[in-house]
């Protein structure tokens, strides 16, 4: 009897796979924007945007007096569309390819189908990492794919998107640029405690004379600064913990060729205030329309970030497997961020 993926892999098995598919990855993006799943997507978005991680003082009272009535913090925001991310494959074609290329039995085909489910789910997760990287390196998210052309603005003020000079020039005053960014934050009442950039900019910092002078004085200018010395100096001089993001993802271009691209732009240096554990925002996941298929398993849905579904079509005759997710990055304190673009002469 021919292998039937819909009969072989039950709804419960797909649910278990989705429930156990972890979306957190060991990258700085997931440290800064840890993932949270909620069944009340819009309400949770509003709650997170109210700056729950930003401390505000309570009033001092005399004894036997009524407590001051608190208020939720005011905030400015642009109501954003949640991103419905999904990808599917024709499982009939995939299975025929596996059979033609030597997968001999049903157990082997089941393993390959689960591999497909994992790949599709990973594609959904990768798209959320792209969103997190764009928030950190641009303050906006541009979506130009699948007949969509839109920009989501996360509210970082225009005067906090600045331009630095040529960091590739060892004579350039990188120290002064960092001071400039930190001062912009202080003028807004923000004390930045993190700096995120690429390894390219870090290596330029290590060769820079202004930073070498700050570390060694005028004696050893020209000596390559060690990473330990650079990190210690940024903490001592500016209170900044240095982070880097150089991870990349692969994509298929319009002409069909494959290319790589960075999650966080190579020419950026972002300064921000982060709360406990280095958290600057939240990767907020919500329920997908496909979760209706698993409505009998409500408790499990809370733990399920990516939803895997399967179905058959008559015309064309095919069996499909799809992974989907509902996601939006939340940046509760856009005024607590300065995004700098490093300008290199000749690039």
C-alpha atoms as a PDB file:
ATOM      1  CA  UNK A   1       0.000   0.000   0.000  1.00  0.00           C
ATOM      2  CA  UNK A   2       1.482   3.421  -0.928  1.00  0.00           C
ATOM      3  CA  UNK A   3       2.829   5.527   1.916  1.00  0.00           C
ATOM      4  CA  UNK A   4       0.238   8.107   3.021  1.00  0.00           C
ATOM      5  CA  UNK A   5       1.775  10.846   5.121  1.00  0.00           C
ATOM      6  CA  UNK A   6      -1.601  12.046   6.445  1.00  0.00           C
ATOM      7  CA  UNK A   7      -2.531   8.577   7.703  1.00  0.00           C
ATOM      8  CA  UNK A   8       0.925   7.784   9.074  1.00  0.00           C
ATOM      9  CA  UNK A   9       1.672  10.978  11.025  1.00  0.00           C
ATOM     10  CA  UNK A  10      -1.271  11.779  13.277  1.00  0.00           C
ATOM     11  CA  UNK A  11      -2.496  15.151  14.508  1.00  0.00           C
ATOM     12  CA  UNK A  12      -1.145  14.321  17.968  1.00  0.00           C
ATOM     13  CA  UNK A  13       2.316  13.573  16.573  1.00  0.00           C
ATOM     14  CA  UNK A  14       2.373  16.869  14.682  1.00  0.00           C
ATOM     15  CA  UNK A  15       1.230  18.664  17.832  1.00  0.00           C
ATOM     16  CA  UNK A  16       3.989  17.045  19.866  1.00  0.00           C
ATOM     17  CA  UNK A  17       6.552  18.051  17.254  1.00  0.00           C
ATOM     18  CA  UNK A  18       5.356  21.669  17.205  1.00  0.00           C
ATOM     19  CA  UNK A  19       5.126  21.863  20.988  1.00  0.00           C
ATOM     20  CA  UNK A  20       8.694  20.607  21.407  1.00  0.00           C
ATOM     21  CA  UNK A  21      10.250  22.690  18.637  1.00  0.00           C
ATOM     22  CA  UNK A  22      12.282  25.290  20.545  1.00  0.00           C
ATOM     23  CA  UNK A  23      12.669  28.713  18.913  1.00  0.00           C
ATOM     24  CA  UNK A  24      15.432  30.151  21.138  1.00  0.00           C
ATOM     25  CA  UNK A  25      18.907  30.090  19.625  1.00  0.00           C
ATOM     26  CA  UNK A  26      22.269  30.802  21.327  1.00  0.00           C
ATOM     27  CA  UNK A  27      22.620  34.233  19.703  1.00  0.00           C
ATOM     28  CA  UNK A  28      22.711  37.758  21.092  1.00  0.00           C
ATOM     29  CA  UNK A  29      19.440  38.474  19.260  1.00  0.00           C
ATOM     30  CA  UNK A  30      17.519  36.044  21.452  1.00  0.00           C
ATOM     31  CA  UNK A  31      19.204  37.389  24.582  1.00  0.00           C
ATOM     32  CA  UNK A  32      18.130  40.934  23.745  1.00  0.00           C
ATOM     33  CA  UNK A  33      14.679  39.902  22.442  1.00  0.00           C
ATOM     34  CA  UNK A  34      13.711  36.719  24.341  1.00  0.00           C
ATOM     35  CA  UNK A  35      10.707  34.904  22.871  1.00  0.00           C
ATOM     36  CA  UNK A  36       7.326  34.872  24.589  1.00  0.00           C
ATOM     37  CA  UNK A  37       4.127  33.150  23.420  1.00  0.00           C
ATOM     38  CA  UNK A  38       0.706  34.542  24.298  1.00  0.00           C
ATOM     39  CA  UNK A  39      -2.833  33.628  23.313  1.00  0.00           C
ATOM     40  CA  UNK A  40      -3.803  37.302  23.777  1.00  0.00           C
ATOM     41  CA  UNK A  41      -1.513  38.835  21.188  1.00  0.00           C
ATOM     42  CA  UNK A  42      -2.791  42.409  21.042  1.00  0.00           C
ATOM     43  CA  UNK A  43      -3.314  42.761  24.802  1.00  0.00           C
ATOM     44  CA  UNK A  44       0.176  41.442  25.541  1.00  0.00           C
ATOM     45  CA  UNK A  45       1.642  43.814  22.943  1.00  0.00           C
ATOM     46  CA  UNK A  46       0.063  46.788  24.708  1.00  0.00           C
ATOM     47  CA  UNK A  47       1.225  45.569  28.105  1.00  0.00           C
ATOM     48  CA  UNK A  48       4.823  45.124  26.959  1.00  0.00           C
ATOM     49  CA  UNK A  49       4.833  48.499  25.218  1.00  0.00           C
ATOM     50  CA  UNK A  50       3.973  50.172  28.508  1.00  0.00           C
ATOM     51  CA  UNK A  51       7.577  49.798  29.613  1.00  0.00           C
ATOM     52  CA  UNK A  52       7.079  47.286  32.386  1.00  0.00           C
ATOM     53  CA  UNK A  53      10.853  46.842  32.685  1.00  0.00           C
ATOM     54  CA  UNK A  54      11.485  50.579  33.181  1.00  0.00           C
ATOM     55  CA  UNK A  55      11.576  51.619  36.864  1.00  0.00           C
ATOM     56  CA  UNK A  56       9.489  54.547  38.100  1.00  0.00           C
ATOM     57  CA  UNK A  57       9.594  55.812  41.704  1.00  0.00           C
ATOM     58  CA  UNK A  58       6.735  55.571  44.165  1.00  0.00           C
ATOM     59  CA  UNK A  59       5.934  58.632  46.320  1.00  0.00           C
ATOM     60  CA  UNK A  60       7.030  59.032  49.947  1.00  0.00           C
ATOM     61  CA  UNK A  61       4.034  59.430  52.268  1.00  0.00           C
ATOM     62  CA  UNK A  62       3.461  60.581  55.800  1.00  0.00           C
ATOM     63  CA  UNK A  63       2.154  57.967  58.194  1.00  0.00           C
ATOM     64  CA  UNK A  64      -1.603  57.386  58.210  1.00  0.00           C
ATOM     65  CA  UNK A  65      -2.108  58.999  54.781  1.00  0.00           C
ATOM     66  CA  UNK A  66      -3.796  57.584  51.731  1.00  0.00           C
ATOM     67  CA  UNK A  67      -1.525  56.049  49.119  1.00  0.00           C
ATOM     68  CA  UNK A  68      -1.022  57.904  45.875  1.00  0.00           C
ATOM     69  CA  UNK A  69      -2.989  56.323  43.027  1.00  0.00           C
ATOM     70  CA  UNK A  70      -0.499  55.027  40.499  1.00  0.00           C
ATOM     71  CA  UNK A  71      -0.855  55.237  36.761  1.00  0.00           C
ATOM     72  CA  UNK A  72       0.490  53.177  33.948  1.00  0.00           C
ATOM     73  CA  UNK A  73       3.434  54.775  32.143  1.00  0.00           C
ATOM     74  CA  UNK A  74       2.533  56.835  29.107  1.00  0.00           C
ATOM     75  CA  UNK A  75       4.079  55.729  25.851  1.00  0.00           C
ATOM     76  CA  UNK A  76       4.127  56.553  22.187  1.00  0.00           C
ATOM     77  CA  UNK A  77       3.810  53.800  19.656  1.00  0.00           C
ATOM     78  CA  UNK A  78       2.760  52.975  16.168  1.00  0.00           C
ATOM     79  CA  UNK A  79       0.282  50.120  16.134  1.00  0.00           C
ATOM     80  CA  UNK A  80       2.031  47.496  14.069  1.00  0.00           C
ATOM     81  CA  UNK A  81       0.758  44.589  12.081  1.00  0.00           C
ATOM     82  CA  UNK A  82       1.745  41.240  13.483  1.00  0.00           C
ATOM     83  CA  UNK A  83       3.765  39.252  10.976  1.00  0.00           C
ATOM     84  CA  UNK A  84       2.186  36.077   9.676  1.00  0.00           C
ATOM     85  CA  UNK A  85       5.182  33.971   8.629  1.00  0.00           C
ATOM     86  CA  UNK A  86       4.687  30.670   6.840  1.00  0.00           C
ATOM     87  CA  UNK A  87       6.211  28.234   4.357  1.00  0.00           C
ATOM     88  CA  UNK A  88       4.916  25.034   2.805  1.00  0.00           C
ATOM     89  CA  UNK A  89       6.136  22.216   0.567  1.00  0.00           C
ATOM     90  CA  UNK A  90       4.393  19.704  -1.645  1.00  0.00           C
ATOM     91  CA  UNK A  91       5.010  16.623   0.463  1.00  0.00           C
ATOM     92  CA  UNK A  92       3.935  14.290  -2.365  1.00  0.00           C
ATOM     93  CA  UNK A  93       6.784  15.558  -4.541  1.00  0.00           C
ATOM     94  CA  UNK A  94       9.232  15.389  -1.622  1.00  0.00           C
ATOM     95  CA  UNK A  95       8.262  11.815  -0.765  1.00  0.00           C
ATOM     96  CA  UNK A  96       8.533  10.691  -4.376  1.00  0.00           C
ATOM     97  CA  UNK A  97      12.008  12.209  -4.517  1.00  0.00           C
ATOM     98  CA  UNK A  98      12.997  10.330  -1.345  1.00  0.00           C
ATOM     99  CA  UNK A  99      11.614   7.023  -2.708  1.00  0.00           C
ATOM    100  CA  UNK A 100      13.319   7.519  -6.086  1.00  0.00           C
ATOM    101  CA  UNK A 101      16.599   8.207  -4.321  1.00  0.00           C
ATOM    102  CA  UNK A 102      16.565   5.097  -2.197  1.00  0.00           C
ATOM    103  CA  UNK A 103      14.514   5.571   1.003  1.00  0.00           C
ATOM    104  CA  UNK A 104      13.262   1.974   1.258  1.00  0.00           C
ATOM    105  CA  UNK A 105      10.554   1.807   3.937  1.00  0.00           C
ATOM    106  CA  UNK A 106       7.808   3.701   5.733  1.00  0.00           C
ATOM    107  CA  UNK A 107       9.902   4.272   8.872  1.00  0.00           C
ATOM    108  CA  UNK A 108      12.591   5.927   6.782  1.00  0.00           C
ATOM    109  CA  UNK A 109      10.033   8.113   5.024  1.00  0.00           C
ATOM    110  CA  UNK A 110       8.549   9.181   8.364  1.00  0.00           C
ATOM    111  CA  UNK A 111      12.001  10.327   9.543  1.00  0.00           C
ATOM    112  CA  UNK A 112      12.474  12.318   6.353  1.00  0.00           C
ATOM    113  CA  UNK A 113       9.046  13.932   6.724  1.00  0.00           C
ATOM    114  CA  UNK A 114       9.890  15.022  10.252  1.00  0.00           C
ATOM    115  CA  UNK A 115      13.140  16.461   8.893  1.00  0.00           C
ATOM    116  CA  UNK A 116      11.057  18.478   6.420  1.00  0.00           C
ATOM    117  CA  UNK A 117       8.854  19.704   9.254  1.00  0.00           C
ATOM    118  CA  UNK A 118      11.972  20.806  11.131  1.00  0.00           C
ATOM    119  CA  UNK A 119      13.377  22.644   8.110  1.00  0.00           C
ATOM    120  CA  UNK A 120      10.119  24.491   7.488  1.00  0.00           C
ATOM    121  CA  UNK A 121       9.844  25.431  11.166  1.00  0.00           C
ATOM    122  CA  UNK A 122      13.454  26.631  11.169  1.00  0.00           C
ATOM    123  CA  UNK A 123      12.644  28.888   8.204  1.00  0.00           C
ATOM    124  CA  UNK A 124       9.892  30.545  10.243  1.00  0.00           C
ATOM    125  CA  UNK A 125      12.273  31.061  13.181  1.00  0.00           C
ATOM    126  CA  UNK A 126      14.949  32.491  10.871  1.00  0.00           C
ATOM    127  CA  UNK A 127      12.503  35.140   9.637  1.00  0.00           C
ATOM    128  CA  UNK A 128      11.889  36.245  13.233  1.00  0.00           C
ATOM    129  CA  UNK A 129      15.654  36.607  13.773  1.00  0.00           C
ATOM    130  CA  UNK A 130      15.828  38.855  10.698  1.00  0.00           C
ATOM    131  CA  UNK A 131      13.126  41.030  12.266  1.00  0.00           C
ATOM    132  CA  UNK A 132      15.026  41.291  15.567  1.00  0.00           C
ATOM    133  CA  UNK A 133      18.250  42.188  13.745  1.00  0.00           C
ATOM    134  CA  UNK A 134      16.562  44.928  11.729  1.00  0.00           C
ATOM    135  CA  UNK A 135      15.052  46.508  14.830  1.00  0.00           C
ATOM    136  CA  UNK A 136      18.495  46.666  16.442  1.00  0.00           C
ATOM    137  CA  UNK A 137      20.428  47.905  13.404  1.00  0.00           C
ATOM    138  CA  UNK A 138      17.797  50.143  11.768  1.00  0.00           C
ATOM    139  CA  UNK A 139      14.983  50.849  14.218  1.00  0.00           C
ATOM    140  CA  UNK A 140      12.589  49.860  11.451  1.00  0.00           C
ATOM    141  CA  UNK A 141      11.657  46.678   9.681  1.00  0.00           C
ATOM    142  CA  UNK A 142      11.317  46.652   5.901  1.00  0.00           C
ATOM    143  CA  UNK A 143       9.205  43.905   4.374  1.00  0.00           C
ATOM    144  CA  UNK A 144       9.468  43.495   0.637  1.00  0.00           C
ATOM    145  CA  UNK A 145       8.543  39.913  -0.110  1.00  0.00           C
ATOM    146  CA  UNK A 146       5.607  37.775  -1.216  1.00  0.00           C
ATOM    147  CA  UNK A 147       3.799  40.771  -2.786  1.00  0.00           C
ATOM    148  CA  UNK A 148       4.170  42.830   0.408  1.00  0.00           C
ATOM    149  CA  UNK A 149       5.986  46.167   0.449  1.00  0.00           C
ATOM    150  CA  UNK A 150       5.783  47.852   3.865  1.00  0.00           C
ATOM    151  CA  UNK A 151       7.892  49.401   6.597  1.00  0.00           C
ATOM    152  CA  UNK A 152       7.238  49.020  10.325  1.00  0.00           C
ATOM    153  CA  UNK A 153       8.731  51.853  12.392  1.00  0.00           C
ATOM    154  CA  UNK A 154       9.520  51.025  16.024  1.00  0.00           C
ATOM    155  CA  UNK A 155       9.757  54.657  17.097  1.00  0.00           C
ATOM    156  CA  UNK A 156      13.483  55.334  17.527  1.00  0.00           C
ATOM    157  CA  UNK A 157      13.644  59.160  17.142  1.00  0.00           C
ATOM    158  CA  UNK A 158      15.263  60.513  13.989  1.00  0.00           C
ATOM    159  CA  UNK A 159      17.842  62.479  16.006  1.00  0.00           C
ATOM    160  CA  UNK A 160      18.923  59.212  17.641  1.00  0.00           C
ATOM    161  CA  UNK A 161      19.836  57.700  14.282  1.00  0.00           C
ATOM    162  CA  UNK A 162      23.247  59.247  13.726  1.00  0.00           C
ATOM    163  CA  UNK A 163      26.297  58.934  11.477  1.00  0.00           C
ATOM    164  CA  UNK A 164      29.821  58.157  12.601  1.00  0.00           C
ATOM    165  CA  UNK A 165      32.965  58.853  10.589  1.00  0.00           C
ATOM    166  CA  UNK A 166      35.501  56.533   8.974  1.00  0.00           C
ATOM    167  CA  UNK A 167      36.358  53.942  11.609  1.00  0.00           C
ATOM    168  CA  UNK A 168      38.671  52.183   9.140  1.00  0.00           C
ATOM    169  CA  UNK A 169      41.078  55.135   9.516  1.00  0.00           C
ATOM    170  CA  UNK A 170      43.286  54.513  12.605  1.00  0.00           C
ATOM    171  CA  UNK A 171      43.650  58.284  13.029  1.00  0.00           C
ATOM    172  CA  UNK A 172      39.901  58.874  13.302  1.00  0.00           C
ATOM    173  CA  UNK A 173      38.496  59.714  16.743  1.00  0.00           C
ATOM    174  CA  UNK A 174      36.323  56.666  17.510  1.00  0.00           C
ATOM    175  CA  UNK A 175      36.488  57.542  21.210  1.00  0.00           C
ATOM    176  CA  UNK A 176      34.770  60.845  20.409  1.00  0.00           C
ATOM    177  CA  UNK A 177      32.025  59.099  18.396  1.00  0.00           C
ATOM    178  CA  UNK A 178      31.193  56.825  21.322  1.00  0.00           C
ATOM    179  CA  UNK A 179      31.095  59.841  23.641  1.00  0.00           C
ATOM    180  CA  UNK A 180      28.653  61.507  21.238  1.00  0.00           C
ATOM    181  CA  UNK A 181      26.274  58.538  21.275  1.00  0.00           C
ATOM    182  CA  UNK A 182      26.395  58.215  25.064  1.00  0.00           C
ATOM    183  CA  UNK A 183      25.671  61.934  25.494  1.00  0.00           C
ATOM    184  CA  UNK A 184      22.592  61.701  23.271  1.00  0.00           C
ATOM    185  CA  UNK A 185      21.258  59.064  25.649  1.00  0.00           C
ATOM    186  CA  UNK A 186      22.073  61.118  28.742  1.00  0.00           C
ATOM    187  CA  UNK A 187      20.289  64.129  27.259  1.00  0.00           C
ATOM    188  CA  UNK A 188      17.179  61.931  27.091  1.00  0.00           C
ATOM    189  CA  UNK A 189      17.686  60.752  30.661  1.00  0.00           C
ATOM    190  CA  UNK A 190      18.936  57.374  29.460  1.00  0.00           C
ATOM    191  CA  UNK A 191      22.089  55.690  30.685  1.00  0.00           C
ATOM    192  CA  UNK A 192      23.231  53.271  28.010  1.00  0.00           C
ATOM    193  CA  UNK A 193      24.749  50.063  29.302  1.00  0.00           C
ATOM    194  CA  UNK A 194      25.256  48.089  26.085  1.00  0.00           C
ATOM    195  CA  UNK A 195      26.908  48.614  22.716  1.00  0.00           C
ATOM    196  CA  UNK A 196      26.133  46.179  19.884  1.00  0.00           C
ATOM    197  CA  UNK A 197      28.174  46.126  16.697  1.00  0.00           C
ATOM    198  CA  UNK A 198      29.889  43.798  14.220  1.00  0.00           C
ATOM    199  CA  UNK A 199      33.288  42.180  14.500  1.00  0.00           C
ATOM    200  CA  UNK A 200      34.422  44.388  11.598  1.00  0.00           C
ATOM    201  CA  UNK A 201      33.921  47.507  13.711  1.00  0.00           C
ATOM    202  CA  UNK A 202      35.457  45.854  16.788  1.00  0.00           C
ATOM    203  CA  UNK A 203      38.683  45.119  14.879  1.00  0.00           C
ATOM    204  CA  UNK A 204      38.780  48.733  13.707  1.00  0.00           C
ATOM    205  CA  UNK A 205      38.391  49.873  17.295  1.00  0.00           C
ATOM    206  CA  UNK A 206      41.329  47.712  18.358  1.00  0.00           C
ATOM    207  CA  UNK A 207      43.570  49.453  15.785  1.00  0.00           C
ATOM    208  CA  UNK A 208      42.331  52.979  16.547  1.00  0.00           C
ATOM    209  CA  UNK A 209      44.788  55.478  18.024  1.00  0.00           C
ATOM    210  CA  UNK A 210      42.234  57.381  20.107  1.00  0.00           C
ATOM    211  CA  UNK A 211      41.276  54.167  21.909  1.00  0.00           C
ATOM    212  CA  UNK A 212      44.909  53.054  22.149  1.00  0.00           C
ATOM    213  CA  UNK A 213      45.728  56.397  23.781  1.00  0.00           C
ATOM    214  CA  UNK A 214      42.837  56.005  26.225  1.00  0.00           C
ATOM    215  CA  UNK A 215      44.149  52.574  27.215  1.00  0.00           C
ATOM    216  CA  UNK A 216      47.936  52.925  27.028  1.00  0.00           C
ATOM    217  CA  UNK A 217      48.506  56.669  27.203  1.00  0.00           C
ATOM    218  CA  UNK A 218      50.900  58.129  24.635  1.00  0.00           C
ATOM    219  CA  UNK A 219      53.579  55.467  25.103  1.00  0.00           C
ATOM    220  CA  UNK A 220      52.248  52.435  23.240  1.00  0.00           C
ATOM    221  CA  UNK A 221      50.113  54.060  20.541  1.00  0.00           C
ATOM    222  CA  UNK A 222      50.115  51.627  17.632  1.00  0.00           C
ATOM    223  CA  UNK A 223      49.928  48.552  19.844  1.00  0.00           C
ATOM    224  CA  UNK A 224      46.920  46.380  19.007  1.00  0.00           C
ATOM    225  CA  UNK A 225      44.371  46.578  21.808  1.00  0.00           C
ATOM    226  CA  UNK A 226      43.363  43.193  23.206  1.00  0.00           C
ATOM    227  CA  UNK A 227      39.700  42.266  23.395  1.00  0.00           C
ATOM    228  CA  UNK A 228      39.888  42.140  27.176  1.00  0.00           C
ATOM    229  CA  UNK A 229      41.360  45.654  27.295  1.00  0.00           C
ATOM    230  CA  UNK A 230      38.772  46.999  24.855  1.00  0.00           C
ATOM    231  CA  UNK A 231      35.861  45.546  26.826  1.00  0.00           C
ATOM    232  CA  UNK A 232      37.282  46.803  30.127  1.00  0.00           C
ATOM    233  CA  UNK A 233      37.830  50.297  28.714  1.00  0.00           C
ATOM    234  CA  UNK A 234      34.282  50.587  27.355  1.00  0.00           C
ATOM    235  CA  UNK A 235      32.934  49.594  30.757  1.00  0.00           C
ATOM    236  CA  UNK A 236      35.268  51.932  32.660  1.00  0.00           C
ATOM    237  CA  UNK A 237      34.919  54.973  30.384  1.00  0.00           C
ATOM    238  CA  UNK A 238      31.278  54.676  29.293  1.00  0.00           C
ATOM    239  CA  UNK A 239      29.619  51.910  31.327  1.00  0.00           C
ATOM    240  CA  UNK A 240      29.084  49.923  28.113  1.00  0.00           C
ATOM    241  CA  UNK A 241      29.128  46.151  27.783  1.00  0.00           C
ATOM    242  CA  UNK A 242      30.314  45.256  24.270  1.00  0.00           C
ATOM    243  CA  UNK A 243      28.258  42.774  22.244  1.00  0.00           C
ATOM    244  CA  UNK A 244      28.722  41.581  18.672  1.00  0.00           C
ATOM    245  CA  UNK A 245      26.347  39.997  16.169  1.00  0.00           C
ATOM    246  CA  UNK A 246      27.806  38.425  13.031  1.00  0.00           C
ATOM    247  CA  UNK A 247      25.431  35.528  12.358  1.00  0.00           C
ATOM    248  CA  UNK A 248      24.138  35.142   8.818  1.00  0.00           C
ATOM    249  CA  UNK A 249      21.282  33.435   7.012  1.00  0.00           C
ATOM    250  CA  UNK A 250      20.984  32.078   3.458  1.00  0.00           C
ATOM    251  CA  UNK A 251      18.332  33.110   0.956  1.00  0.00           C
ATOM    252  CA  UNK A 252      17.426  32.559  -2.681  1.00  0.00           C
ATOM    253  CA  UNK A 253      17.666  35.606  -4.938  1.00  0.00           C
ATOM    254  CA  UNK A 254      15.247  36.471  -7.739  1.00  0.00           C
ATOM    255  CA  UNK A 255      17.521  34.819 -10.320  1.00  0.00           C
ATOM    256  CA  UNK A 256      17.492  31.555  -8.334  1.00  0.00           C
ATOM    257  CA  UNK A 257      21.025  31.803  -6.976  1.00  0.00           C
ATOM    258  CA  UNK A 258      21.778  31.523  -3.264  1.00  0.00           C
ATOM    259  CA  UNK A 259      23.385  34.230  -1.164  1.00  0.00           C
ATOM    260  CA  UNK A 260      24.089  35.030   2.483  1.00  0.00           C
ATOM    261  CA  UNK A 261      23.023  38.066   4.452  1.00  0.00           C
ATOM    262  CA  UNK A 262      23.572  39.316   7.994  1.00  0.00           C
ATOM    263  CA  UNK A 263      20.881  39.626  10.660  1.00  0.00           C
ATOM    264  CA  UNK A 264      22.566  42.762  12.055  1.00  0.00           C
ATOM    265  CA  UNK A 265      24.066  45.254   9.591  1.00  0.00           C
ATOM    266  CA  UNK A 266      27.857  45.207   9.476  1.00  0.00           C
ATOM    267  CA  UNK A 267      28.240  49.004   9.394  1.00  0.00           C
ATOM    268  CA  UNK A 268      26.156  49.724  12.506  1.00  0.00           C
ATOM    269  CA  UNK A 269      26.904  50.423  16.157  1.00  0.00           C
ATOM    270  CA  UNK A 270      23.835  50.468  18.398  1.00  0.00           C
ATOM    271  CA  UNK A 271      23.794  51.818  21.950  1.00  0.00           C
ATOM    272  CA  UNK A 272      20.923  51.047  24.290  1.00  0.00           C
ATOM    273  CA  UNK A 273      19.632  50.666  27.806  1.00  0.00           C
ATOM    274  CA  UNK A 274      18.803  47.071  28.669  1.00  0.00           C
ATOM    275  CA  UNK A 275      17.179  45.619  31.742  1.00  0.00           C
ATOM    276  CA  UNK A 276      18.056  42.588  33.809  1.00  0.00           C
ATOM    277  CA  UNK A 277      19.781  39.884  31.777  1.00  0.00           C
ATOM    278  CA  UNK A 278      20.454  42.303  28.919  1.00  0.00           C
ATOM    279  CA  UNK A 279      16.852  42.355  27.746  1.00  0.00           C
ATOM    280  CA  UNK A 280      15.953  45.299  25.474  1.00  0.00           C
ATOM    281  CA  UNK A 281      12.639  44.009  24.147  1.00  0.00           C
ATOM    282  CA  UNK A 282      10.532  40.922  23.524  1.00  0.00           C
ATOM    283  CA  UNK A 283      10.037  38.580  20.601  1.00  0.00           C
ATOM    284  CA  UNK A 284       6.259  38.289  20.877  1.00  0.00           C
ATOM    285  CA  UNK A 285       4.570  35.254  19.335  1.00  0.00           C
ATOM    286  CA  UNK A 286       0.827  34.827  19.014  1.00  0.00           C
ATOM    287  CA  UNK A 287      -1.685  32.192  17.925  1.00  0.00           C
ATOM    288  CA  UNK A 288      -1.769  31.292  14.244  1.00  0.00           C
ATOM    289  CA  UNK A 289      -4.994  30.630  12.314  1.00  0.00           C
ATOM    290  CA  UNK A 290      -3.797  27.048  11.877  1.00  0.00           C
ATOM    291  CA  UNK A 291      -3.969  26.435  15.628  1.00  0.00           C
ATOM    292  CA  UNK A 292      -7.692  25.838  15.208  1.00  0.00           C
ATOM    293  CA  UNK A 293      -6.782  22.313  14.084  1.00  0.00           C
ATOM    294  CA  UNK A 294      -5.399  21.697  17.577  1.00  0.00           C
ATOM    295  CA  UNK A 295      -8.195  23.412  19.511  1.00  0.00           C
ATOM    296  CA  UNK A 296      -8.743  20.291  21.611  1.00  0.00           C
ATOM    297  CA  UNK A 297      -5.229  20.682  23.041  1.00  0.00           C
ATOM    298  CA  UNK A 298      -5.487  24.183  24.551  1.00  0.00           C
ATOM    299  CA  UNK A 299      -2.869  23.669  27.248  1.00  0.00           C
ATOM    300  CA  UNK A 300      -0.280  22.561  24.687  1.00  0.00           C
ATOM    301  CA  UNK A 301      -0.898  25.577  22.434  1.00  0.00           C
ATOM    302  CA  UNK A 302       0.674  27.953  24.969  1.00  0.00           C
ATOM    303  CA  UNK A 303       4.019  26.194  24.488  1.00  0.00           C
ATOM    304  CA  UNK A 304       3.744  26.006  20.686  1.00  0.00           C
ATOM    305  CA  UNK A 305       5.461  28.854  18.865  1.00  0.00           C
ATOM    306  CA  UNK A 306       5.516  27.361  15.347  1.00  0.00           C
ATOM    307  CA  UNK A 307       2.467  25.459  14.085  1.00  0.00           C
ATOM    308  CA  UNK A 308       2.907  22.498  11.713  1.00  0.00           C
ATOM    309  CA  UNK A 309      -0.105  21.402   9.658  1.00  0.00           C
ATOM    310  CA  UNK A 310      -0.737  18.898   6.867  1.00  0.00           C
ATOM    311  CA  UNK A 311      -3.550  18.597   4.354  1.00  0.00           C
ATOM    312  CA  UNK A 312      -4.447  17.178   0.946  1.00  0.00           C
ATOM    313  CA  UNK A 313      -5.669  18.931  -2.209  1.00  0.00           C
ATOM    314  CA  UNK A 314      -7.550  17.351  -5.118  1.00  0.00           C
ATOM    315  CA  UNK A 315      -6.455  19.714  -7.874  1.00  0.00           C
ATOM    316  CA  UNK A 316      -3.558  19.501  -8.099  1.00  0.00           C
ATOM    317  CA  UNK A 317      -3.454  16.151  -6.319  1.00  0.00           C
ATOM    318  CA  UNK A 318      -0.958  16.732  -3.540  1.00  0.00           C
ATOM    319  CA  UNK A 319      -0.302  16.436   0.155  1.00  0.00           C
ATOM    320  CA  UNK A 320       1.138  19.549   1.770  1.00  0.00           C
ATOM    321  CA  UNK A 321       3.127  20.251   4.922  1.00  0.00           C
ATOM    322  CA  UNK A 322       3.272  23.808   6.268  1.00  0.00           C
ATOM    323  CA  UNK A 323       4.918  25.621   9.190  1.00  0.00           C
ATOM    324  CA  UNK A 324       3.584  28.977  10.350  1.00  0.00           C
ATOM    325  CA  UNK A 325       4.077  31.524  13.108  1.00  0.00           C
ATOM    326  CA  UNK A 326       2.616  34.853  14.234  1.00  0.00           C
ATOM    327  CA  UNK A 327       5.308  37.239  15.441  1.00  0.00           C
ATOM    328  CA  UNK A 328       6.303  40.845  16.136  1.00  0.00           C
ATOM    329  CA  UNK A 329       9.344  42.306  17.958  1.00  0.00           C
ATOM    330  CA  UNK A 330       8.381  44.656  20.792  1.00  0.00           C
ATOM    331  CA  UNK A 331      10.675  47.583  21.637  1.00  0.00           C
ATOM    332  CA  UNK A 332       9.182  49.220  24.760  1.00  0.00           C
ATOM    333  CA  UNK A 333      11.746  52.027  25.091  1.00  0.00           C
ATOM    334  CA  UNK A 334      12.695  53.374  21.641  1.00  0.00           C
ATOM    335  CA  UNK A 335      14.078  56.546  23.295  1.00  0.00           C
ATOM    336  CA  UNK A 336      16.619  54.354  25.069  1.00  0.00           C
ATOM    337  CA  UNK A 337      18.466  53.530  21.850  1.00  0.00           C
ATOM    338  CA  UNK A 338      20.917  55.288  19.519  1.00  0.00           C
ATOM    339  CA  UNK A 339      21.680  53.678  16.160  1.00  0.00           C
ATOM    340  CA  UNK A 340      24.875  54.854  14.467  1.00  0.00           C
ATOM    341  CA  UNK A 341      25.951  54.167  10.899  1.00  0.00           C
ATOM    342  CA  UNK A 342      29.712  53.930  10.404  1.00  0.00           C
ATOM    343  CA  UNK A 343      30.702  55.697   7.194  1.00  0.00           C
ATOM    344  CA  UNK A 344      33.828  54.345   5.525  1.00  0.00           C
ATOM    345  CA  UNK A 345      35.378  56.390   2.743  1.00  0.00           C
ATOM    346  CA  UNK A 346      35.325  54.451  -0.509  1.00  0.00           C
ATOM    347  CA  UNK A 347      32.630  51.979   0.520  1.00  0.00           C
END
